């Protein structure tokens, strides 16, 4: 805190703050998430000594001209909520920064977030819902020589809880529009052909007998993206990961391997129609700021990730479509003879026009998505392996889903969804599980009682012949005058082979929203499993209790 106040004082003095000039302004936010847990004999859940758990975040930013500064205070008291890392313990200043930015120069000292390309080689970001904050603490410098070129460099240590990881991250990224480079008089709003290149290195000192352990690991990336004026866009990115040792039982082994990633996107969009496709191949692409975090199965909280490797699948919104969710499998794992993943997804959107037979008075929206993911086929021999570039191996996952959105009257609308899924639970979650096939149907109906009041209901069903078998779910939600909202849900595992485990995961609650304040309270059971945001997940154990969420900004 003293360091942050010192930065504010220096900046204030440097700009000659007095009563006669603009003193700048403050903005910020407060977020508090709390649980009160209690025992549930039916779920075999014991709340333990720490029945009350709370995650709290207070962010304050100051702006004066070209200068901004900020600080984030966090408190996990008496302990963090279920499913969060043990590194999130206690309270204190978690992040702080000071930044100067003008038309060409952008300098940040302290904690910052950034991304190179799509994030395949580097991304730092915060998502409180899944417990991720891997900001770098150090220096970031950005330079914009013209309106079509950007260069930036980073250096710092990565956050882990209230501490920093051992490794130091350094890198540089540059991107320019080639069409403007060769024709500076071309229209700014014309086609864009961006070419980018990145370097990211990790330095982590090693003191030990294993001479093969490198202190510095270098990674390189190139990318190109094209955005046309007729709705066509495409892009490709390639990353080469430098050689590094693999970890076994917490210690560096004597084996070193490099890795690589390839991403290709192609899409087209016009009024009422769009299609987007992605292909990605990841081979030994886990990048971590500490060696020990790279061992398969050790890093369950996604800590120390340098790059961003989300699952490229549809991000579903419903209770039963999120029971079997895929996580990217980029790691080299000799125990399971895995070297990574290969696959992709396709999204298609089409709006049936108004006034047609299928469109009706208000039109109809159709969406189709398909994703397919496999392991990379590889041959293993004496601690080494060889893998082909387009050699599809064992199937991990597929998801084919259809969605129809229809407005029937000015007050009544609906969404109908069907999903067919293949899920290898042993691969995605670990353990001695086999694959399963699931079919899910969802009916989502919204009816406006008045212009300010509405009621929404969902009916869902999941069918599968393995694991816990069939599920049913229902949701009822009432929204009153844009401020008050109330809901009740029930997720029922009625198909379980064990009658004593046909649990109801019920929840009731409501929320109040006024201006920039939102308060939400709910009570009920949490089904154990993966909670995912943007294709990145954390595991939450089954529990029962009261949850209170408060968000306020100013």
Protein backbone atom coordinates (compact mmCIF):
# COMPACT_ATOMS: atom_id res chain seq x y z
CA UNK A 1 0.00 0.00 0.00
CA UNK A 2 2.85 2.39 0.79
CA UNK A 3 4.28 1.83 -2.69
CA UNK A 4 0.94 2.64 -4.31
CA UNK A 5 0.46 5.83 -2.27
CA UNK A 6 4.01 6.86 -3.14
CA UNK A 7 3.24 6.46 -6.86
CA UNK A 8 0.11 8.61 -6.49
CA UNK A 9 2.11 11.28 -4.63
CA UNK A 10 4.84 11.38 -7.25
CA UNK A 11 2.39 11.60 -10.11
CA UNK A 12 0.39 14.28 -8.35
CA UNK A 13 3.50 16.35 -7.67
CA UNK A 14 4.70 15.90 -11.23
CA UNK A 15 1.49 17.36 -12.63
CA UNK A 16 1.42 20.21 -10.14
CA UNK A 17 -1.94 19.43 -8.58
CA UNK A 18 -3.48 22.49 -6.93
CA UNK A 19 -6.90 23.92 -6.29
CA UNK A 20 -6.76 25.79 -9.60
CA UNK A 21 -6.54 22.80 -11.96
CA UNK A 22 -8.38 19.58 -12.63
CA UNK A 23 -7.77 17.24 -9.73
CA UNK A 24 -8.80 14.21 -11.76
CA UNK A 25 -11.45 11.73 -10.72
CA UNK A 26 -11.84 8.43 -8.94
CA UNK A 27 -13.84 5.40 -10.03
CA UNK A 28 -14.07 1.91 -8.67
CA UNK A 29 -16.08 -1.15 -7.82
CA UNK A 30 -16.89 -3.49 -4.96
CA UNK A 31 -17.71 -7.16 -5.36
CA UNK A 32 -18.49 -9.53 -2.49
CA UNK A 33 -19.32 -13.24 -2.86
CA UNK A 34 -20.13 -15.17 0.31
CA UNK A 35 -21.30 -18.65 1.25
CA UNK A 36 -22.84 -20.06 4.41
CA UNK A 37 -22.53 -23.84 4.11
CA UNK A 38 -24.29 -26.50 6.09
CA UNK A 39 -24.13 -30.29 6.24
CA UNK A 40 -26.15 -32.38 3.81
CA UNK A 41 -26.28 -36.04 4.79
CA UNK A 42 -27.96 -37.10 1.57
CA UNK A 43 -25.12 -35.61 -0.52
CA UNK A 44 -22.52 -36.79 2.04
CA UNK A 45 -21.36 -33.18 2.27
CA UNK A 46 -19.82 -31.87 5.49
CA UNK A 47 -19.38 -28.13 5.78
CA UNK A 48 -16.47 -28.51 8.23
CA UNK A 49 -15.23 -25.82 10.56
CA UNK A 50 -15.24 -23.05 7.97
CA UNK A 51 -18.95 -22.83 7.26
CA UNK A 52 -18.71 -19.17 6.25
CA UNK A 53 -16.50 -18.38 3.24
CA UNK A 54 -16.15 -15.12 1.40
CA UNK A 55 -14.30 -13.68 -1.63
CA UNK A 56 -14.19 -9.88 -1.71
CA UNK A 57 -12.71 -7.41 -4.21
CA UNK A 58 -12.42 -3.63 -3.94
CA UNK A 59 -10.99 -1.79 -6.95
CA UNK A 60 -10.10 1.91 -7.02
CA UNK A 61 -8.85 3.82 -10.09
CA UNK A 62 -7.65 7.40 -10.40
CA UNK A 63 -7.50 9.35 -13.70
CA UNK A 64 -5.88 12.71 -14.37
CA UNK A 65 -5.19 13.62 -17.97
CA UNK A 66 -2.93 11.01 -19.55
CA UNK A 67 -2.22 9.37 -16.21
CA UNK A 68 -4.20 6.59 -14.52
CA UNK A 69 -3.38 4.62 -11.40
CA UNK A 70 -5.20 1.96 -9.50
CA UNK A 71 -5.19 -0.58 -6.74
CA UNK A 72 -7.18 -3.74 -6.00
CA UNK A 73 -7.69 -4.94 -2.45
CA UNK A 74 -8.86 -8.53 -1.94
CA UNK A 75 -10.05 -10.38 1.16
CA UNK A 76 -10.70 -14.11 1.44
CA UNK A 77 -12.08 -14.32 4.94
CA UNK A 78 -12.01 -16.46 6.86
CA UNK A 79 -11.14 -18.64 3.83
CA UNK A 80 -11.89 -18.59 0.11
CA UNK A 81 -15.05 -20.12 -1.33
CA UNK A 82 -15.23 -23.78 -2.32
CA UNK A 83 -13.34 -24.68 -5.47
CA UNK A 84 -10.80 -21.85 -5.25
CA UNK A 85 -7.04 -22.19 -4.84
CA UNK A 86 -5.50 -22.33 -1.36
CA UNK A 87 -3.18 -19.53 -2.56
CA UNK A 88 -6.16 -17.18 -2.21
CA UNK A 89 -5.88 -16.80 1.55
CA UNK A 90 -6.08 -13.83 3.87
CA UNK A 91 -6.36 -10.23 2.69
CA UNK A 92 -4.26 -7.40 1.35
CA UNK A 93 -3.30 -5.37 -1.71
CA UNK A 94 -3.39 -7.85 -4.58
CA UNK A 95 -2.64 -5.63 -7.59
CA UNK A 96 -1.62 -2.03 -8.23
CA UNK A 97 -0.49 -0.02 -11.24
CA UNK A 98 0.35 3.39 -12.66
CA UNK A 99 -0.07 4.15 -16.36
CA UNK A 100 0.80 6.97 -18.76
CA UNK A 101 -0.73 6.98 -22.24
CA UNK A 102 -0.74 9.41 -25.16
CA UNK A 103 -1.27 8.94 -28.90
CA UNK A 104 1.98 7.07 -29.44
CA UNK A 105 3.29 5.90 -26.07
CA UNK A 106 1.66 3.65 -23.46
CA UNK A 107 3.67 2.79 -20.32
CA UNK A 108 2.43 0.76 -17.34
CA UNK A 109 4.30 -0.04 -14.13
CA UNK A 110 2.80 -2.51 -11.67
CA UNK A 111 0.16 -5.15 -12.49
CA UNK A 112 -1.23 -5.26 -16.02
CA UNK A 113 -3.15 -7.50 -18.42
CA UNK A 114 -2.42 -8.04 -22.09
CA UNK A 115 -2.59 -10.52 -24.95
CA UNK A 116 -0.47 -11.36 -27.99
CA UNK A 117 -2.55 -12.46 -30.97
CA UNK A 118 -5.27 -14.91 -29.98
CA UNK A 119 -3.47 -15.74 -26.73
CA UNK A 120 -1.85 -18.96 -27.95
CA UNK A 121 1.55 -17.67 -26.82
CA UNK A 122 0.60 -15.14 -24.13
CA UNK A 123 -2.46 -13.81 -22.32
CA UNK A 124 -2.92 -12.40 -18.83
CA UNK A 125 -6.45 -11.76 -17.61
CA UNK A 126 -8.79 -11.83 -14.62
CA UNK A 127 -11.96 -13.87 -14.18
CA UNK A 128 -13.19 -13.98 -10.60
CA UNK A 129 -15.89 -16.57 -11.26
CA UNK A 130 -13.29 -19.23 -12.04
CA UNK A 131 -10.59 -17.86 -9.73
CA UNK A 132 -8.09 -16.71 -12.35
CA UNK A 133 -5.90 -13.62 -12.08
CA UNK A 134 -2.53 -14.16 -13.75
CA UNK A 135 -1.57 -10.51 -14.23
CA UNK A 136 2.09 -9.65 -14.67
CA UNK A 137 3.74 -7.33 -12.17
CA UNK A 138 6.49 -5.40 -13.86
CA UNK A 139 6.64 -3.03 -16.82
CA UNK A 140 4.68 -2.88 -20.07
CA UNK A 141 5.58 -0.49 -22.90
CA UNK A 142 3.45 0.08 -25.97
CA UNK A 143 4.40 2.15 -29.02
CA UNK A 144 2.04 3.15 -31.84
CA UNK A 145 4.10 4.83 -34.60
CA UNK A 146 1.06 5.19 -36.88
CA UNK A 147 -2.62 4.25 -37.03
CA UNK A 148 -1.96 0.77 -38.45
CA UNK A 149 1.05 -0.47 -36.44
CA UNK A 150 1.47 -1.39 -32.81
CA UNK A 151 4.55 -2.60 -30.92
CA UNK A 152 4.59 -3.62 -27.27
CA UNK A 153 6.99 -5.20 -24.82
CA UNK A 154 6.36 -6.85 -21.46
CA UNK A 155 8.42 -7.99 -18.49
CA UNK A 156 7.39 -9.13 -15.05
CA UNK A 157 6.48 -11.90 -12.68
CA UNK A 158 3.09 -13.56 -12.71
CA UNK A 159 0.62 -13.30 -9.88
CA UNK A 160 -0.31 -16.39 -7.85
CA UNK A 161 -2.56 -15.55 -4.92
CA UNK A 162 -0.94 -12.69 -3.04
CA UNK A 163 2.53 -13.82 -4.10
CA UNK A 164 4.41 -13.99 -7.38
CA UNK A 165 5.62 -17.05 -9.28
CA UNK A 166 9.30 -17.88 -9.54
CA UNK A 167 9.65 -17.37 -13.27
CA UNK A 168 10.09 -14.02 -14.99
CA UNK A 169 8.13 -13.47 -18.20
CA UNK A 170 9.47 -11.22 -20.94
CA UNK A 171 8.28 -10.68 -24.48
CA UNK A 172 7.68 -8.43 -27.45
CA UNK A 173 4.85 -8.28 -29.97
CA UNK A 174 4.43 -6.32 -33.20
CA UNK A 175 1.49 -6.08 -35.61
CA UNK A 176 0.82 -4.00 -38.71
CA UNK A 177 -1.67 -3.76 -41.56
CA UNK A 178 0.32 -4.76 -44.66
CA UNK A 179 -2.16 -3.11 -47.02
CA UNK A 180 -1.49 0.24 -45.37
CA UNK A 181 2.28 -0.36 -45.28
CA UNK A 182 2.44 -0.60 -49.07
CA UNK A 183 -0.25 1.99 -49.70
CA UNK A 184 -0.47 4.53 -46.89
CA UNK A 185 -3.10 6.46 -48.81
CA UNK A 186 -5.55 3.55 -48.81
CA UNK A 187 -8.81 3.97 -46.92
CA UNK A 188 -8.70 3.33 -43.19
CA UNK A 189 -12.08 1.61 -43.46
CA UNK A 190 -10.93 -0.66 -46.30
CA UNK A 191 -9.79 -4.31 -46.14
CA UNK A 192 -7.33 -5.24 -43.42
CA UNK A 193 -4.43 -7.67 -43.74
CA UNK A 194 -2.69 -7.77 -40.38
CA UNK A 195 0.69 -9.46 -39.95
CA UNK A 196 1.95 -10.07 -36.42
CA UNK A 197 4.92 -11.69 -34.72
CA UNK A 198 5.63 -12.43 -31.06
CA UNK A 199 8.37 -13.60 -28.77
CA UNK A 200 7.73 -14.73 -25.19
CA UNK A 201 10.41 -16.06 -22.90
CA UNK A 202 10.37 -17.45 -19.38
CA UNK A 203 13.40 -17.27 -17.12
CA UNK A 204 13.37 -19.49 -14.04
CA UNK A 205 16.61 -20.13 -12.22
CA UNK A 206 17.38 -23.77 -11.50
CA UNK A 207 19.88 -24.92 -8.87
CA UNK A 208 20.27 -28.67 -8.93
CA UNK A 209 22.13 -31.64 -10.31
CA UNK A 210 20.07 -31.99 -13.50
CA UNK A 211 22.13 -30.16 -16.12
CA UNK A 212 19.46 -30.54 -18.80
CA UNK A 213 17.09 -28.10 -17.11
CA UNK A 214 17.16 -24.80 -19.05
CA UNK A 215 16.88 -21.53 -17.14
CA UNK A 216 15.35 -19.74 -20.12
CA UNK A 217 12.70 -21.12 -22.49
CA UNK A 218 11.94 -19.13 -25.65
CA UNK A 219 8.70 -19.28 -27.62
CA UNK A 220 7.88 -17.70 -30.98
CA UNK A 221 4.67 -16.98 -32.90
CA UNK A 222 3.56 -15.57 -36.24
CA UNK A 223 0.03 -14.73 -37.35
CA UNK A 224 -1.91 -13.24 -40.23
CA UNK A 225 -5.54 -12.07 -40.30
CA UNK A 226 -7.61 -10.79 -43.21
CA UNK A 227 -10.90 -8.89 -42.89
CA UNK A 228 -12.54 -8.17 -46.23
CA UNK A 229 -15.27 -5.72 -47.15
CA UNK A 230 -17.62 -8.43 -48.41
CA UNK A 231 -18.00 -10.25 -45.10
CA UNK A 232 -15.10 -12.69 -45.52
CA UNK A 233 -12.53 -13.04 -42.78
CA UNK A 234 -9.75 -15.53 -42.18
CA UNK A 235 -6.72 -15.92 -40.00
CA UNK A 236 -3.94 -18.30 -39.09
CA UNK A 237 -1.46 -18.42 -36.25
CA UNK A 238 1.50 -20.68 -35.54
CA UNK A 239 3.43 -20.99 -32.27
CA UNK A 240 6.72 -22.77 -31.68
CA UNK A 241 7.35 -23.65 -28.05
CA UNK A 242 10.98 -23.98 -26.99
CA UNK A 243 12.38 -27.15 -25.49
CA UNK A 244 11.79 -27.67 -21.79
CA UNK A 245 11.97 -30.60 -19.38
CA UNK A 246 8.85 -32.45 -18.34
CA UNK A 247 8.06 -32.88 -14.66
CA UNK A 248 7.66 -36.26 -12.96
CA UNK A 249 6.53 -36.52 -9.34
CA UNK A 250 7.40 -32.90 -8.70
CA UNK A 251 10.95 -33.09 -10.09
CA UNK A 252 12.45 -32.25 -13.50
CA UNK A 253 13.06 -35.34 -15.60
CA UNK A 254 15.99 -35.86 -17.97
CA UNK A 255 13.74 -35.55 -21.02
CA UNK A 256 13.18 -32.35 -22.99
CA UNK A 257 10.51 -31.67 -25.59
CA UNK A 258 9.40 -28.74 -27.67
CA UNK A 259 5.83 -28.07 -28.73
CA UNK A 260 3.73 -26.22 -31.26
CA UNK A 261 0.28 -24.85 -31.91
CA UNK A 262 -1.61 -24.08 -35.11
CA UNK A 263 -4.89 -22.15 -35.37
CA UNK A 264 -6.89 -21.47 -38.53
CA UNK A 265 -10.15 -19.49 -38.73
CA UNK A 266 -12.37 -18.92 -41.73
CA UNK A 267 -15.73 -17.21 -41.81
CA UNK A 268 -18.30 -15.25 -43.75
CA UNK A 269 -21.10 -13.00 -42.55
CA UNK A 270 -23.81 -10.98 -44.24
CA UNK A 271 -27.20 -9.73 -43.22
CA UNK A 272 -29.18 -12.66 -41.86
CA UNK A 273 -26.48 -15.29 -42.38
CA UNK A 274 -23.11 -16.14 -40.90
CA UNK A 275 -20.70 -19.06 -40.79
CA UNK A 276 -17.51 -19.37 -38.77
CA UNK A 277 -15.10 -22.29 -38.63
CA UNK A 278 -12.02 -22.93 -36.50
CA UNK A 279 -9.34 -25.60 -36.67
CA UNK A 280 -6.73 -25.95 -33.95
CA UNK A 281 -3.89 -28.33 -33.20
CA UNK A 282 -2.04 -28.23 -29.85
CA UNK A 283 1.04 -30.38 -29.21
CA UNK A 284 2.71 -30.07 -25.80
CA UNK A 285 1.52 -26.47 -25.58
CA UNK A 286 1.22 -25.92 -21.84
CA UNK A 287 3.21 -22.77 -20.98
CA UNK A 288 3.71 -22.05 -17.29
CA UNK A 289 5.64 -19.51 -15.26
CA UNK A 290 6.86 -22.30 -12.92
CA UNK A 291 8.05 -25.77 -13.92
CA UNK A 292 6.23 -27.51 -11.11
CA UNK A 293 2.87 -26.20 -12.36
CA UNK A 294 3.31 -27.98 -15.70
CA UNK A 295 3.02 -31.55 -14.35
CA UNK A 296 -0.22 -33.24 -15.55
CA UNK A 297 -2.82 -33.49 -12.80
CA UNK A 298 -0.93 -31.20 -10.42
CA UNK A 299 -2.28 -27.79 -11.39
CA UNK A 300 -6.03 -28.13 -10.88
CA UNK A 301 -6.62 -24.39 -10.41
CA UNK A 302 -5.08 -23.24 -13.72
CA UNK A 303 -2.38 -21.25 -11.95
CA UNK A 304 0.71 -19.88 -13.66
CA UNK A 305 -0.68 -20.20 -17.20
CA UNK A 306 1.24 -17.98 -19.60
CA UNK A 307 -0.94 -18.71 -22.63
CA UNK A 308 -4.69 -18.98 -23.18
CA UNK A 309 -6.05 -22.30 -24.45
CA UNK A 310 -9.83 -22.36 -24.06
CA UNK A 311 -12.00 -25.20 -25.28
CA UNK A 312 -13.23 -24.29 -28.77
CA UNK A 313 -16.77 -25.56 -28.30
CA UNK A 314 -20.16 -23.89 -27.94
CA UNK A 315 -20.55 -22.23 -24.55
CA UNK A 316 -23.98 -23.46 -23.43
CA UNK A 317 -26.28 -21.57 -21.06
CA UNK A 318 -28.53 -24.27 -19.61
CA UNK A 319 -28.27 -26.52 -16.54
CA UNK A 320 -28.17 -29.88 -18.34
CA UNK A 321 -26.13 -28.79 -21.36
CA UNK A 322 -23.32 -27.95 -18.92
CA UNK A 323 -23.02 -31.31 -17.16
CA UNK A 324 -20.47 -32.72 -19.59
CA UNK A 325 -18.23 -29.84 -20.67
CA UNK A 326 -15.00 -30.21 -22.60
CA UNK A 327 -11.64 -28.77 -21.51
CA UNK A 328 -8.74 -28.32 -23.89
CA UNK A 329 -6.13 -31.11 -23.73
CA UNK A 330 -2.85 -29.47 -24.80
CA UNK A 331 -0.42 -31.26 -22.50
CA UNK A 332 2.18 -33.95 -23.00
CA UNK A 333 1.34 -36.86 -20.69
CA UNK A 334 3.40 -40.05 -20.92
CA UNK A 335 1.21 -41.78 -18.34
CA UNK A 336 -1.74 -41.69 -20.77
CA UNK A 337 0.28 -41.55 -24.02
CA UNK A 338 -1.17 -38.13 -24.85
CA UNK A 339 0.66 -35.36 -26.69
CA UNK A 340 -2.16 -32.87 -27.20
CA UNK A 341 -5.38 -32.39 -29.14
CA UNK A 342 -6.60 -31.73 -32.68
CA UNK A 343 -10.02 -30.69 -33.92
CA UNK A 344 -12.30 -27.74 -34.48
CA UNK A 345 -15.80 -26.35 -34.57
CA UNK A 346 -18.26 -24.76 -37.02
CA UNK A 347 -20.99 -22.22 -36.23
CA UNK A 348 -23.81 -21.42 -38.64
CA UNK A 349 -26.45 -18.73 -38.10
CA UNK A 350 -29.43 -17.98 -40.32
CA UNK A 351 -32.37 -15.62 -39.86
CA UNK A 352 -35.48 -16.67 -41.75
CA UNK A 353 -36.98 -13.39 -43.00
CA UNK A 354 -40.21 -11.92 -41.71
CA UNK A 355 -43.30 -12.47 -43.78
CA UNK A 356 -42.23 -15.89 -45.10
CA UNK A 357 -43.98 -19.19 -44.30
CA UNK A 358 -41.30 -20.27 -41.79
CA UNK A 359 -40.38 -16.80 -40.64
CA UNK A 360 -43.89 -15.65 -39.79
CA UNK A 361 -44.63 -12.14 -38.61
CA UNK A 362 -41.47 -11.71 -36.55
CA UNK A 363 -38.95 -13.97 -38.29
CA UNK A 364 -37.14 -17.07 -37.01
CA UNK A 365 -33.51 -17.49 -35.98
CA UNK A 366 -31.65 -20.76 -36.58
CA UNK A 367 -28.24 -21.71 -35.14
CA UNK A 368 -26.24 -24.88 -35.75
CA UNK A 369 -22.95 -25.70 -34.03
CA UNK A 370 -20.66 -28.70 -34.28
CA UNK A 371 -17.35 -29.39 -32.56
CA UNK A 372 -15.09 -32.43 -32.80
CA UNK A 373 -11.91 -33.10 -30.78
CA UNK A 374 -9.40 -35.92 -30.85
CA UNK A 375 -6.03 -36.71 -29.43
CA UNK A 376 -3.02 -36.56 -31.73
CA UNK A 377 -1.97 -39.99 -32.87
CA UNK A 378 1.63 -40.63 -31.78
CA UNK A 379 4.08 -43.51 -31.50
CA UNK A 380 5.89 -43.83 -28.17
CA UNK A 381 9.22 -45.60 -27.72
CA UNK A 382 11.76 -45.44 -24.87
CA UNK A 383 10.61 -42.13 -23.51
CA UNK A 384 10.33 -40.46 -26.92
CA UNK A 385 7.47 -39.99 -29.36
CA UNK A 386 6.72 -39.07 -32.95
CA UNK A 387 3.44 -37.51 -34.11
CA UNK A 388 2.05 -36.58 -37.52
CA UNK A 389 0.71 -33.09 -38.10
CA UNK A 390 -2.80 -34.13 -39.21
CA UNK A 391 -2.87 -37.56 -37.59
CA UNK A 392 -6.15 -37.81 -35.65
CA UNK A 393 -5.96 -40.21 -32.73
CA UNK A 394 -8.38 -41.23 -30.00
CA UNK A 395 -11.68 -39.41 -29.95
CA UNK A 396 -12.15 -37.11 -26.94
CA UNK A 397 -15.36 -35.20 -27.56
CA UNK A 398 -18.01 -34.09 -29.99
CA UNK A 399 -21.02 -31.83 -29.67
CA UNK A 400 -23.67 -31.24 -32.34
CA UNK A 401 -26.44 -28.86 -31.39
CA UNK A 402 -29.37 -27.03 -33.00
CA UNK A 403 -31.19 -23.95 -31.72
CA UNK A 404 -34.42 -22.36 -32.95
CA UNK A 405 -35.38 -18.94 -31.59
CA UNK A 406 -38.86 -17.76 -32.41
CA UNK A 407 -40.98 -14.75 -31.47
CA UNK A 408 -44.63 -15.81 -31.78
CA UNK A 409 -46.39 -12.65 -30.66
CA UNK A 410 -45.33 -9.31 -29.23
CA UNK A 411 -45.40 -10.96 -25.79
CA UNK A 412 -44.45 -14.61 -26.40
CA UNK A 413 -41.09 -15.99 -27.57
CA UNK A 414 -39.27 -19.31 -27.30
CA UNK A 415 -35.93 -21.05 -27.74
CA UNK A 416 -35.74 -24.78 -28.49
CA UNK A 417 -32.39 -26.56 -28.27
CA UNK A 418 -31.21 -30.08 -29.05
CA UNK A 419 -27.69 -31.34 -28.29
CA UNK A 420 -26.00 -34.66 -29.11
CA UNK A 421 -22.72 -35.20 -27.28
CA UNK A 422 -19.84 -37.68 -27.05
CA UNK A 423 -17.75 -37.22 -23.89
CA UNK A 424 -14.68 -39.18 -22.78
CA UNK A 425 -14.84 -38.49 -19.05
CA UNK A 426 -11.59 -40.29 -18.29
CA UNK A 427 -9.67 -37.99 -20.65
CA UNK A 428 -11.33 -34.72 -19.69
CA UNK A 429 -11.68 -35.22 -15.93
CA UNK A 430 -9.15 -37.98 -15.26
CA UNK A 431 -9.71 -41.34 -13.60
CA UNK A 432 -10.88 -44.72 -14.82
CA UNK A 433 -13.95 -43.61 -16.74
CA UNK A 434 -15.20 -44.58 -20.15
CA UNK A 435 -16.89 -42.42 -22.73
CA UNK A 436 -20.61 -41.70 -22.77
CA UNK A 437 -23.14 -40.41 -25.27
CA UNK A 438 -25.72 -37.86 -24.14
CA UNK A 439 -28.78 -36.27 -25.75
CA UNK A 440 -30.23 -33.08 -24.30
CA UNK A 441 -33.43 -31.21 -25.19
CA UNK A 442 -34.39 -27.79 -23.82
CA UNK A 443 -37.54 -25.68 -24.13
CA UNK A 444 -37.15 -22.05 -22.99
CA UNK A 445 -40.35 -19.94 -23.00
CA UNK A 446 -40.59 -16.22 -22.22
CA UNK A 447 -43.88 -14.37 -21.77
CA UNK A 448 -44.19 -10.62 -21.12
CA UNK A 449 -47.00 -9.96 -18.68
CA UNK A 450 -46.58 -6.21 -19.11
CA UNK A 451 -43.86 -4.09 -20.74
CA UNK A 452 -42.02 -4.19 -17.38
CA UNK A 453 -42.88 -7.67 -16.07
CA UNK A 454 -42.12 -11.08 -17.55
CA UNK A 455 -42.11 -14.74 -16.65
CA UNK A 456 -39.74 -17.33 -18.09
CA UNK A 457 -39.76 -21.11 -17.81
CA UNK A 458 -37.40 -23.89 -18.87
CA UNK A 459 -37.91 -27.64 -19.20
CA UNK A 460 -34.82 -29.77 -19.85
CA UNK A 461 -33.99 -33.44 -20.21
CA UNK A 462 -30.67 -35.30 -20.56
CA UNK A 463 -30.58 -38.92 -21.66
CA UNK A 464 -27.53 -41.16 -21.39
CA UNK A 465 -27.02 -44.86 -20.70
CA UNK A 466 -23.84 -44.52 -18.62
CA UNK A 467 -22.51 -42.95 -15.45
CA UNK A 468 -25.40 -41.30 -13.55
CA UNK A 469 -27.78 -41.76 -16.49
CA UNK A 470 -30.87 -39.61 -17.03
CA UNK A 471 -31.51 -36.09 -15.69
CA UNK A 472 -34.46 -33.69 -15.73
CA UNK A 473 -34.45 -29.99 -14.88
CA UNK A 474 -36.91 -27.14 -14.58
CA UNK A 475 -36.49 -23.38 -14.14
CA UNK A 476 -39.13 -20.75 -13.29
CA UNK A 477 -38.13 -17.07 -13.30
CA UNK A 478 -40.14 -13.91 -12.67
CA UNK A 479 -38.78 -10.47 -13.55
CA UNK A 480 -40.50 -7.46 -12.01
CA UNK A 481 -40.02 -3.84 -13.16
CA UNK A 482 -36.39 -4.30 -14.23
CA UNK A 483 -35.21 -4.26 -10.60
CA UNK A 484 -36.53 -7.37 -8.88
CA UNK A 485 -36.05 -10.90 -10.18
CA UNK A 486 -36.97 -14.22 -8.52
CA UNK A 487 -36.30 -17.79 -9.57
CA UNK A 488 -36.57 -21.45 -8.56
CA UNK A 489 -34.73 -24.38 -10.18
CA UNK A 490 -34.54 -28.12 -9.72
CA UNK A 491 -32.11 -30.52 -11.35
CA UNK A 492 -33.12 -34.16 -10.73
CA UNK A 493 -30.91 -37.17 -11.38
CA UNK A 494 -33.94 -39.45 -11.63
CA UNK A 495 -32.22 -42.10 -13.76
CA UNK A 496 -29.46 -43.04 -11.31
CA UNK A 497 -29.16 -46.82 -10.90
CA UNK A 498 -28.88 -46.34 -7.13
CA UNK A 499 -32.30 -45.17 -5.83
CA UNK A 500 -30.60 -43.55 -2.83
CA UNK A 501 -28.62 -41.26 -5.15
CA UNK A 502 -31.46 -39.88 -7.23
CA UNK A 503 -30.80 -36.42 -5.85
CA UNK A 504 -32.65 -33.17 -6.39
CA UNK A 505 -30.30 -30.20 -6.77
CA UNK A 506 -32.74 -27.41 -5.94
CA UNK A 507 -32.14 -23.69 -5.71
CA UNK A 508 -34.32 -20.66 -4.95
CA UNK A 509 -33.31 -17.04 -4.96
CA UNK A 510 -33.66 -13.55 -6.27
CA UNK A 511 -31.85 -10.37 -7.15
CA UNK A 512 -32.30 -6.62 -6.86
CA UNK A 513 -30.72 -4.15 -9.28
CA UNK A 514 -30.69 -0.38 -8.93
CA UNK A 515 -28.40 1.84 -11.00
CA UNK A 516 -24.90 0.36 -10.52
CA UNK A 517 -25.79 -1.88 -7.57
CA UNK A 518 -26.82 -5.51 -7.81
CA UNK A 519 -27.62 -7.79 -4.86
CA UNK A 520 -28.35 -11.49 -5.30
CA UNK A 521 -29.33 -14.08 -2.69
CA UNK A 522 -29.97 -17.78 -3.22
CA UNK A 523 -30.24 -20.98 -1.22
CA UNK A 524 -29.85 -24.53 -2.41
CA UNK A 525 -27.63 -27.34 -3.57
CA UNK A 526 -24.70 -27.04 -5.96
CA UNK A 527 -24.23 -29.98 -8.30
CA UNK A 528 -20.59 -31.01 -8.29
CA UNK A 529 -18.66 -30.63 -11.51
CA UNK A 530 -16.96 -28.15 -13.80
CA UNK A 531 -17.94 -24.49 -13.94
CA UNK A 532 -16.63 -22.90 -17.14
CA UNK A 533 -16.31 -19.34 -18.44
CA UNK A 534 -15.10 -18.79 -21.98
CA UNK A 535 -13.90 -22.38 -22.30
CA UNK A 536 -11.78 -22.34 -19.11
CA UNK A 537 -13.07 -24.33 -16.13
CA UNK A 538 -12.72 -24.90 -12.40
CA UNK A 539 -14.06 -27.82 -10.39
CA UNK A 540 -16.65 -27.26 -7.66
CA UNK A 541 -17.54 -30.03 -5.19
CA UNK A 542 -21.16 -30.77 -4.32
CA UNK A 543 -22.38 -28.55 -1.49
CA UNK A 544 -25.42 -27.03 0.14
CA UNK A 545 -25.90 -23.58 1.59
CA UNK A 546 -26.76 -19.91 1.28
CA UNK A 547 -24.97 -17.63 -1.19
CA UNK A 548 -24.91 -13.83 -1.22
CA UNK A 549 -23.46 -11.74 -4.08
CA UNK A 550 -23.05 -7.96 -4.05
CA UNK A 551 -21.74 -5.82 -6.92
CA UNK A 552 -21.41 -2.05 -6.82
CA UNK A 553 -19.55 0.41 -9.02
CA UNK A 554 -19.02 4.15 -8.87
